[in-house]
Amino acid sequence: MPFNPNTIKLLREREGLSQYSLATLINVTPQSVLNYEKGRTKPNTEVIDRIYQVAYGKGHKDLEFYKTPKRNKK
């Protein structure tokens, strides 16, 4: 299932976090956060889990971390 890069930016903006602050919370570099948000790279499952924990710990249960695959219409 494809990762949704918009989720990281939305979480950051809702919490008023800089890329540096979020990077510190999830134990990655600020450059990694930028690359995730731009869709240049995809975080591994361990990092996705840490992002998920931050989001849900702060009450953002509505965030979708994966895009729903599009179904072909027949």
PDB file of N, CA and C in Angstrom:
ATOM      1  N   MET A   1       0.843  -1.170   0.000  1.00  0.00           N
ATOM      2  CA  MET A   1       0.000   0.000   0.000  1.00  0.00           C
ATOM      3  C   MET A   1       0.896   1.244   0.000  1.00  0.00           C
ATOM      4  N   PRO A   2       0.646   2.201  -0.866  1.00  0.00           N
ATOM      5  CA  PRO A   2       1.504   3.389  -0.959  1.00  0.00           C
ATOM      6  C   PRO A   2       1.374   4.302   0.263  1.00  0.00           C
ATOM      7  N   PHE A   3       2.497   4.815   0.704  1.00  0.00           N
ATOM      8  CA  PHE A   3       2.540   5.742   1.836  1.00  0.00           C
ATOM      9  C   PHE A   3       2.001   7.100   1.411  1.00  0.00           C
ATOM     10  N   ASN A   4       1.306   7.776   2.314  1.00  0.00           N
ATOM     11  CA  ASN A   4       0.732   9.091   2.041  1.00  0.00           C
ATOM     12  C   ASN A   4       1.645  10.174   2.632  1.00  0.00           C
ATOM     13  N   PRO A   5       2.481  10.836   1.822  1.00  0.00           N
ATOM     14  CA  PRO A   5       3.419  11.832   2.347  1.00  0.00           C
ATOM     15  C   PRO A   5       2.738  13.068   2.934  1.00  0.00           C
ATOM     16  N   ASN A   6       1.520  13.359   2.518  1.00  0.00           N
ATOM     17  CA  ASN A   6       0.813  14.537   3.042  1.00  0.00           C
ATOM     18  C   ASN A   6       0.492  14.408   4.525  1.00  0.00           C
ATOM     19  N   THR A   7       0.405  13.191   5.013  1.00  0.00           N
ATOM     20  CA  THR A   7       0.063  12.964   6.413  1.00  0.00           C
ATOM     21  C   THR A   7       1.104  13.542   7.353  1.00  0.00           C
ATOM     22  N   ILE A   8       2.371  13.396   7.019  1.00  0.00           N
ATOM     23  CA  ILE A   8       3.434  13.898   7.889  1.00  0.00           C
ATOM     24  C   ILE A   8       3.361  15.420   7.983  1.00  0.00           C
ATOM     25  N   LYS A   9       3.191  16.066   6.857  1.00  0.00           N
ATOM     26  CA  LYS A   9       3.110  17.524   6.852  1.00  0.00           C
ATOM     27  C   LYS A   9       1.871  17.995   7.612  1.00  0.00           C
ATOM     28  N   LEU A  10       0.753  17.323   7.420  1.00  0.00           N
ATOM     29  CA  LEU A  10      -0.480  17.690   8.112  1.00  0.00           C
ATOM     30  C   LEU A  10      -0.304  17.549   9.626  1.00  0.00           C
ATOM     31  N   LEU A  11       0.296  16.460  10.071  1.00  0.00           N
ATOM     32  CA  LEU A  11       0.556  16.270  11.496  1.00  0.00           C
ATOM     33  C   LEU A  11       1.446  17.391  12.025  1.00  0.00           C
ATOM     34  N   ARG A  12       2.504  17.689  11.300  1.00  0.00           N
ATOM     35  CA  ARG A  12       3.436  18.745  11.712  1.00  0.00           C
ATOM     36  C   ARG A  12       2.734  20.078  11.851  1.00  0.00           C
ATOM     37  N   GLU A  13       1.932  20.418  10.845  1.00  0.00           N
ATOM     38  CA  GLU A  13       1.235  21.706  10.851  1.00  0.00           C
ATOM     39  C   GLU A  13       0.206  21.781  11.971  1.00  0.00           C
ATOM     40  N   ARG A  14      -0.524  20.720  12.204  1.00  0.00           N
ATOM     41  CA  ARG A  14      -1.521  20.707  13.272  1.00  0.00           C
ATOM     42  C   ARG A  14      -0.879  20.925  14.633  1.00  0.00           C
ATOM     43  N   GLU A  15       0.296  20.361  14.824  1.00  0.00           N
ATOM     44  CA  GLU A  15       0.983  20.455  16.110  1.00  0.00           C
ATOM     45  C   GLU A  15       1.906  21.672  16.200  1.00  0.00           C
ATOM     46  N   GLY A  16       2.069  22.404  15.092  1.00  0.00           N
ATOM     47  CA  GLY A  16       2.948  23.565  15.091  1.00  0.00           C
ATOM     48  C   GLY A  16       4.412  23.180  15.241  1.00  0.00           C
ATOM     49  N   LEU A  17       4.761  22.006  14.703  1.00  0.00           N
ATOM     50  CA  LEU A  17       6.132  21.506  14.799  1.00  0.00           C
ATOM     51  C   LEU A  17       6.939  21.882  13.564  1.00  0.00           C
ATOM     52  N   SER A  18       8.208  22.152  13.759  1.00  0.00           N
ATOM     53  CA  SER A  18       9.119  22.317  12.629  1.00  0.00           C
ATOM     54  C   SER A  18       9.534  20.926  12.157  1.00  0.00           C
ATOM     55  N   GLN A  19      10.139  20.867  10.996  1.00  0.00           N
ATOM     56  CA  GLN A  19      10.666  19.582  10.523  1.00  0.00           C
ATOM     57  C   GLN A  19      11.715  19.064  11.496  1.00  0.00           C
ATOM     58  N   TYR A  20      12.500  19.963  12.048  1.00  0.00           N
ATOM     59  CA  TYR A  20      13.520  19.575  13.019  1.00  0.00           C
ATOM     60  C   TYR A  20      12.884  18.957  14.269  1.00  0.00           C
ATOM     61  N   SER A  21      11.825  19.591  14.778  1.00  0.00           N
ATOM     62  CA  SER A  21      11.164  19.098  15.990  1.00  0.00           C
ATOM     63  C   SER A  21      10.550  17.719  15.771  1.00  0.00           C
ATOM     64  N   LEU A  22       9.874  17.548  14.632  1.00  0.00           N
ATOM     65  CA  LEU A  22       9.289  16.243  14.342  1.00  0.00           C
ATOM     66  C   LEU A  22      10.391  15.204  14.161  1.00  0.00           C
ATOM     67  N   ALA A  23      11.451  15.585  13.474  1.00  0.00           N
ATOM     68  CA  ALA A  23      12.570  14.664  13.267  1.00  0.00           C
ATOM     69  C   ALA A  23      13.125  14.179  14.601  1.00  0.00           C
ATOM     70  N   THR A  24      13.222  15.089  15.562  1.00  0.00           N
ATOM     71  CA  THR A  24      13.710  14.719  16.893  1.00  0.00           C
ATOM     72  C   THR A  24      12.759  13.735  17.565  1.00  0.00           C
ATOM     73  N   LEU A  25      11.452  13.967  17.436  1.00  0.00           N
ATOM     74  CA  LEU A  25      10.465  13.080  18.055  1.00  0.00           C
ATOM     75  C   LEU A  25      10.490  11.672  17.477  1.00  0.00           C
ATOM     76  N   ILE A  26      10.766  11.564  16.173  1.00  0.00           N
ATOM     77  CA  ILE A  26      10.725  10.242  15.529  1.00  0.00           C
ATOM     78  C   ILE A  26      12.119   9.683  15.249  1.00  0.00           C
ATOM     79  N   ASN A  27      13.131  10.385  15.741  1.00  0.00           N
ATOM     80  CA  ASN A  27      14.516   9.911  15.673  1.00  0.00           C
ATOM     81  C   ASN A  27      15.042   9.722  14.245  1.00  0.00           C
ATOM     82  N   VAL A  28      14.816  10.743  13.413  1.00  0.00           N
ATOM     83  CA  VAL A  28      15.388  10.785  12.064  1.00  0.00           C
ATOM     84  C   VAL A  28      15.966  12.179  11.854  1.00  0.00           C
ATOM     85  N   THR A  29      16.592  12.421  10.721  1.00  0.00           N
ATOM     86  CA  THR A  29      17.137  13.738  10.426  1.00  0.00           C
ATOM     87  C   THR A  29      16.040  14.654   9.860  1.00  0.00           C
ATOM     88  N   PRO A  30      16.199  15.967  10.030  1.00  0.00           N
ATOM     89  CA  PRO A  30      15.242  16.892   9.410  1.00  0.00           C
ATOM     90  C   PRO A  30      15.167  16.717   7.887  1.00  0.00           C
ATOM     91  N   GLN A  31      16.287  16.374   7.268  1.00  0.00           N
ATOM     92  CA  GLN A  31      16.301  16.126   5.819  1.00  0.00           C
ATOM     93  C   GLN A  31      15.401  14.939   5.463  1.00  0.00           C
ATOM     94  N   SER A  32      15.388  13.936   6.320  1.00  0.00           N
ATOM     95  CA  SER A  32      14.511  12.777   6.089  1.00  0.00           C
ATOM     96  C   SER A  32      13.053  13.202   6.126  1.00  0.00           C
ATOM     97  N   VAL A  33      12.686  14.025   7.108  1.00  0.00           N
ATOM     98  CA  VAL A  33      11.302  14.504   7.202  1.00  0.00           C
ATOM     99  C   VAL A  33      10.939  15.269   5.934  1.00  0.00           C
ATOM    100  N   LEU A  34      11.828  16.138   5.467  1.00  0.00           N
ATOM    101  CA  LEU A  34      11.584  16.878   4.226  1.00  0.00           C
ATOM    102  C   LEU A  34      11.364  15.908   3.060  1.00  0.00           C
ATOM    103  N   ASN A  35      12.219  14.912   2.950  1.00  0.00           N
ATOM    104  CA  ASN A  35      12.089  13.946   1.856  1.00  0.00           C
ATOM    105  C   ASN A  35      10.799  13.133   1.951  1.00  0.00           C
ATOM    106  N   TYR A  36      10.383  12.786   3.157  1.00  0.00           N
ATOM    107  CA  TYR A  36       9.108  12.071   3.324  1.00  0.00           C
ATOM    108  C   TYR A  36       7.951  12.957   2.883  1.00  0.00           C
ATOM    109  N   GLU A  37       7.970  14.213   3.308  1.00  0.00           N
ATOM    110  CA  GLU A  37       6.878  15.139   2.973  1.00  0.00           C
ATOM    111  C   GLU A  37       6.799  15.401   1.478  1.00  0.00           C
ATOM    112  N   LYS A  38       7.933  15.455   0.819  1.00  0.00           N
ATOM    113  CA  LYS A  38       7.954  15.710  -0.626  1.00  0.00           C
ATOM    114  C   LYS A  38       7.697  14.444  -1.435  1.00  0.00           C
ATOM    115  N   GLY A  39       7.652  13.294  -0.769  1.00  0.00           N
ATOM    116  CA  GLY A  39       7.440  12.032  -1.470  1.00  0.00           C
ATOM    117  C   GLY A  39       8.679  11.527  -2.178  1.00  0.00           C
ATOM    118  N   ARG A  40       9.836  12.086  -1.840  1.00  0.00           N
ATOM    119  CA  ARG A  40      11.098  11.661  -2.472  1.00  0.00           C
ATOM    120  C   ARG A  40      11.542  10.308  -1.962  1.00  0.00           C
ATOM    121  N   THR A  41      11.301  10.081  -0.675  1.00  0.00           N
ATOM    122  CA  THR A  41      11.621   8.787  -0.068  1.00  0.00           C
ATOM    123  C   THR A  41      10.454   8.366   0.801  1.00  0.00           C
ATOM    124  N   LYS A  42      10.394   7.080   1.069  1.00  0.00           N
ATOM    125  CA  LYS A  42       9.336   6.513   1.899  1.00  0.00           C
ATOM    126  C   LYS A  42       9.968   6.035   3.197  1.00  0.00           C
ATOM    127  N   PRO A  43       9.381   6.400   4.344  1.00  0.00           N
ATOM    128  CA  PRO A  43       9.935   5.920   5.603  1.00  0.00           C
ATOM    129  C   PRO A  43       9.754   4.413   5.738  1.00  0.00           C
ATOM    130  N   ASN A  44      10.700   3.775   6.424  1.00  0.00           N
ATOM    131  CA  ASN A  44      10.544   2.340   6.644  1.00  0.00           C
ATOM    132  C   ASN A  44       9.449   2.109   7.686  1.00  0.00           C
ATOM    133  N   THR A  45       9.082   0.870   7.894  1.00  0.00           N
ATOM    134  CA  THR A  45       7.958   0.565   8.783  1.00  0.00           C
ATOM    135  C   THR A  45       8.223   0.991  10.223  1.00  0.00           C
ATOM    136  N   GLU A  46       9.455   0.943  10.663  1.00  0.00           N
ATOM    137  CA  GLU A  46       9.788   1.381  12.019  1.00  0.00           C
ATOM    138  C   GLU A  46       9.527   2.878  12.188  1.00  0.00           C
ATOM    139  N   VAL A  47       9.918   3.671  11.193  1.00  0.00           N
ATOM    140  CA  VAL A  47       9.697   5.119  11.251  1.00  0.00           C
ATOM    141  C   VAL A  47       8.202   5.426  11.134  1.00  0.00           C
ATOM    142  N   ILE A  48       7.504   4.726  10.266  1.00  0.00           N
ATOM    143  CA  ILE A  48       6.056   4.926  10.139  1.00  0.00           C
ATOM    144  C   ILE A  48       5.384   4.645  11.483  1.00  0.00           C
ATOM    145  N   ASP A  49       5.829   3.614  12.171  1.00  0.00           N
ATOM    146  CA  ASP A  49       5.269   3.292  13.476  1.00  0.00           C
ATOM    147  C   ASP A  49       5.513   4.422  14.471  1.00  0.00           C
ATOM    148  N   ARG A  50       6.686   5.016  14.445  1.00  0.00           N
ATOM    149  CA  ARG A  50       6.985   6.136  15.357  1.00  0.00           C
ATOM    150  C   ARG A  50       6.128   7.354  15.022  1.00  0.00           C
ATOM    151  N   ILE A  51       5.925   7.634  13.740  1.00  0.00           N
ATOM    152  CA  ILE A  51       5.060   8.747  13.330  1.00  0.00           C
ATOM    153  C   ILE A  51       3.632   8.480  13.802  1.00  0.00           C
ATOM    154  N   TYR A  52       3.191   7.260  13.608  1.00  0.00           N
ATOM    155  CA  TYR A  52       1.855   6.837  14.031  1.00  0.00           C
ATOM    156  C   TYR A  52       1.692   7.049  15.536  1.00  0.00           C
ATOM    157  N   GLN A  53       2.682   6.659  16.317  1.00  0.00           N
ATOM    158  CA  GLN A  53       2.628   6.809  17.770  1.00  0.00           C
ATOM    159  C   GLN A  53       2.537   8.286  18.176  1.00  0.00           C
ATOM    160  N   VAL A  54       3.294   9.137  17.498  1.00  0.00           N
ATOM    161  CA  VAL A  54       3.229  10.578  17.785  1.00  0.00           C
ATOM    162  C   VAL A  54       1.839  11.105  17.454  1.00  0.00           C
ATOM    163  N   ALA A  55       1.333  10.759  16.282  1.00  0.00           N
ATOM    164  CA  ALA A  55       0.028  11.257  15.842  1.00  0.00           C
ATOM    165  C   ALA A  55      -1.084  10.810  16.785  1.00  0.00           C
ATOM    166  N   TYR A  56      -1.118   9.542  17.091  1.00  0.00           N
ATOM    167  CA  TYR A  56      -2.192   9.027  17.929  1.00  0.00           C
ATOM    168  C   TYR A  56      -2.030   9.459  19.379  1.00  0.00           C
ATOM    169  N   GLY A  57      -0.811   9.619  19.833  1.00  0.00           N
ATOM    170  CA  GLY A  57      -0.563  10.113  21.176  1.00  0.00           C
ATOM    171  C   GLY A  57      -1.049  11.543  21.355  1.00  0.00           C
ATOM    172  N   LYS A  58      -1.095  12.290  20.271  1.00  0.00           N
ATOM    173  CA  LYS A  58      -1.551  13.677  20.315  1.00  0.00           C
ATOM    174  C   LYS A  58      -3.009  13.808  19.887  1.00  0.00           C
ATOM    175  N   GLY A  59      -3.687  12.669  19.692  1.00  0.00           N
ATOM    176  CA  GLY A  59      -5.116  12.683  19.400  1.00  0.00           C
ATOM    177  C   GLY A  59      -5.508  12.804  17.944  1.00  0.00           C
ATOM    178  N   HIS A  60      -4.583  12.602  17.030  1.00  0.00           N
ATOM    179  CA  HIS A  60      -4.886  12.730  15.594  1.00  0.00           C
ATOM    180  C   HIS A  60      -5.253  11.370  15.008  1.00  0.00           C
ATOM    181  N   LYS A  61      -6.386  10.842  15.450  1.00  0.00           N
ATOM    182  CA  LYS A  61      -6.795   9.505  15.020  1.00  0.00           C
ATOM    183  C   LYS A  61      -7.391   9.489  13.608  1.00  0.00           C
ATOM    184  N   ASP A  62      -7.616  10.659  13.038  1.00  0.00           N
ATOM    185  CA  ASP A  62      -8.205  10.750  11.710  1.00  0.00           C
ATOM    186  C   ASP A  62      -7.169  10.704  10.583  1.00  0.00           C
ATOM    187  N   LEU A  63      -5.884  10.764  10.910  1.00  0.00           N
ATOM    188  CA  LEU A  63      -4.858  10.804   9.872  1.00  0.00           C
ATOM    189  C   LEU A  63      -4.702   9.446   9.191  1.00  0.00           C
ATOM    190  N   GLU A  64      -4.598   9.476   7.877  1.00  0.00           N
ATOM    191  CA  GLU A  64      -4.416   8.254   7.098  1.00  0.00           C
ATOM    192  C   GLU A  64      -2.972   8.194   6.628  1.00  0.00           C
ATOM    193  N   PHE A  65      -2.287   7.141   7.026  1.00  0.00           N
ATOM    194  CA  PHE A  65      -0.876   7.021   6.691  1.00  0.00           C
ATOM    195  C   PHE A  65      -0.641   6.344   5.349  1.00  0.00           C
ATOM    196  N   TYR A  66      -1.659   5.708   4.821  1.00  0.00           N
ATOM    197  CA  TYR A  66      -1.530   5.036   3.537  1.00  0.00           C
ATOM    198  C   TYR A  66      -2.639   5.494   2.616  1.00  0.00           C
ATOM    199  N   LYS A  67      -2.312   5.603   1.345  1.00  0.00           N
ATOM    200  CA  LYS A  67      -3.318   5.950   0.348  1.00  0.00           C
ATOM    201  C   LYS A  67      -4.081   4.678  -0.009  1.00  0.00           C
ATOM    202  N   THR A  68      -5.371   4.811  -0.175  1.00  0.00           N
ATOM    203  CA  THR A  68      -6.170   3.687  -0.623  1.00  0.00           C
ATOM    204  C   THR A  68      -5.918   3.491  -2.109  1.00  0.00           C
ATOM    205  N   PRO A  69      -5.558   2.260  -2.504  1.00  0.00           N
ATOM    206  CA  PRO A  69      -5.310   2.035  -3.931  1.00  0.00           C
ATOM    207  C   PRO A  69      -6.558   2.293  -4.749  1.00  0.00           C
ATOM    208  N   LYS A  70      -6.365   2.865  -5.925  1.00  0.00           N
ATOM    209  CA  LYS A  70      -7.478   3.128  -6.822  1.00  0.00           C
ATOM    210  C   LYS A  70      -7.876   1.818  -7.491  1.00  0.00           C
ATOM    211  N   ARG A  71      -9.144   1.602  -7.579  1.00  0.00           N
ATOM    212  CA  ARG A  71      -9.669   0.393  -8.231  1.00  0.00           C
ATOM    213  C   ARG A  71      -9.987   0.726  -9.679  1.00  0.00           C
ATOM    214  N   ASN A  72      -9.671  -0.193 -10.554  1.00  0.00           N
ATOM    215  CA  ASN A  72     -10.001  -0.018 -11.969  1.00  0.00           C
ATOM    216  C   ASN A  72     -11.484  -0.247 -12.175  1.00  0.00           C
ATOM    217  N   LYS A  73     -12.118   0.689 -12.856  1.00  0.00           N
ATOM    218  CA  LYS A  73     -13.542   0.540 -13.171  1.00  0.00           C
ATOM    219  C   LYS A  73     -13.657  -0.316 -14.416  1.00  0.00           C
ATOM    220  N   LYS A  74     -14.599  -1.225 -14.373  1.00  0.00           N
ATOM    221  CA  LYS A  74     -14.814  -2.103 -15.535  1.00  0.00           C
ATOM    222  C   LYS A  74     -16.166  -1.902 -16.117  1.00  0.00           C
TER     223      LYS A  74
END
